[in-house]
């Protein structure tokens, strides 16, 4: 499976076995393979979403979540302490959550801090995905784009 690296185009991520998301390599060209999603490395772990059979799926470690299911909700929060928090939930509770350093903590000295600014969706994969999940039309756009 071939993924775009979030916010680092044209870098690509090749996931050799989608059931083992810790095994990935960076590649420079598509080579005829279709890009089916977008991923990023957060706290040393690959997390990605991809389109398959008319669905948008989110994969983290061995957990796969169908984002087109009506009871799935995503939340993203970035307090001023610089630790981003992302949660995937359904009506039964939290499916998984992830805490990681905010994108702006790795910016060079003198760069604007961010602190939950409108730039989060441009700089953080999970902030972007949370925004996109708030609208059925946006989800359908991602499904079509990566099909």
Foldseek 3Di string as FASTA:
>chain_A
DKAPEALDPPKIKAQPDLQAQLDIDIDRDCPPPAHFWYWYAFPNWIWIWGADPQFIWIDTGNDIDTLPDPQWAKDWDAAPVQKIKIFIAGPVGTPDIDIGGQQQVPDDPPDDRCRVNPCSLRRPVRVVVNVLSVDPVSRSVSNVVRD
